[in-house]
Amino acid sequence: MTLPELQKQALKLPIDKRWQLVQTLLESLKQETNPVQKKGNLSRLRGIAKNVTLSDDESITEDYVYYLTEKYK
């Protein structure tokens, strides 16, 4: 099937099916064009070599603060 034939067929679909087709195509494009995370990216390990003893509560708080800091950069 050629692209013009496919486009004609798609335009004959009901609106909800066309939206579903658009979403499927967009998801496919995202997966194919999404860059693969580089191996060797050590930025995630920042602070791992710290030699600090924290209580469990302090450690959990520090981890959560780090998580939020990275999330909202």
Protein backbone atom coordinates (compact mmCIF):
# COMPACT_ATOMS: atom_id res chain seq x y z
CA MET A 1 0.00 0.00 0.00
CA THR A 2 1.36 3.44 -0.89
CA LEU A 3 1.41 6.42 1.44
CA PRO A 4 -1.41 8.27 -0.39
CA GLU A 5 -3.57 5.13 -0.23
CA LEU A 6 -2.85 4.76 3.46
CA GLN A 7 -3.74 8.41 4.07
CA LYS A 8 -7.05 8.01 2.23
CA GLN A 9 -7.88 4.93 4.29
CA ALA A 10 -6.97 6.69 7.52
CA LEU A 11 -9.22 9.65 6.69
CA LYS A 12 -12.16 7.28 6.24
CA LEU A 13 -11.84 6.09 9.84
CA PRO A 14 -14.10 7.47 12.58
CA ILE A 15 -12.58 10.28 14.63
CA ASP A 16 -11.89 8.11 17.69
CA LYS A 17 -10.02 5.55 15.58
CA ARG A 18 -7.99 8.32 13.92
CA TRP A 19 -6.97 9.66 17.35
CA GLN A 20 -5.99 6.14 18.37
CA LEU A 21 -3.91 5.85 15.19
CA VAL A 22 -2.23 9.19 15.89
CA GLN A 23 -1.38 8.14 19.45
CA THR A 24 0.02 4.82 18.24
CA LEU A 25 2.16 6.55 15.62
CA LEU A 26 3.44 9.14 18.09
CA GLU A 27 4.35 6.46 20.63
CA SER A 28 6.19 4.55 17.92
CA LEU A 29 8.11 7.69 16.91
CA LYS A 30 9.00 8.45 20.53
CA GLN A 31 10.41 4.96 21.03
CA GLU A 32 12.45 5.06 17.83
CA THR A 33 13.83 8.58 18.28
CA ASN A 34 14.30 8.58 22.06
CA PRO A 35 18.05 8.65 22.68
CA VAL A 36 19.35 5.64 24.54
CA GLN A 37 20.89 6.58 27.87
CA LYS A 38 24.64 6.63 27.50
CA LYS A 39 26.51 4.02 29.45
CA GLY A 40 29.22 5.40 31.65
CA ASN A 41 27.22 8.44 32.75
CA LEU A 42 28.53 8.84 36.27
CA SER A 43 26.55 11.94 37.19
CA ARG A 44 23.96 9.72 38.90
CA LEU A 45 26.63 8.53 41.32
CA ARG A 46 27.50 11.97 42.65
CA GLY A 47 28.26 11.77 46.35
CA ILE A 48 28.42 7.98 46.49
CA ALA A 49 31.97 7.99 47.88
CA LYS A 50 31.14 10.22 50.85
CA ASN A 51 32.40 8.77 54.10
CA VAL A 52 29.68 10.16 56.35
CA THR A 53 27.66 8.11 58.81
CA LEU A 54 24.05 9.23 59.01
CA SER A 55 21.17 7.93 61.02
CA ASP A 56 18.41 6.26 59.04
CA ASP A 57 16.14 9.33 59.28
CA GLU A 58 18.89 11.69 58.11
CA SER A 59 19.82 9.35 55.27
CA ILE A 60 16.23 9.05 54.07
CA THR A 61 15.78 12.84 54.23
CA GLU A 62 19.02 13.45 52.35
CA ASP A 63 18.10 10.88 49.68
CA TYR A 64 14.68 12.48 49.23
CA VAL A 65 16.15 15.98 48.96
CA TYR A 66 18.63 14.71 46.36
CA TYR A 67 15.83 13.01 44.44
CA LEU A 68 13.74 16.20 44.38
CA THR A 69 16.75 18.31 43.41
CA GLU A 70 17.51 16.06 40.45
CA LYS A 71 13.86 15.79 39.45
CA TYR A 72 13.28 19.54 39.27
CA LYS A 73 16.59 20.64 37.73
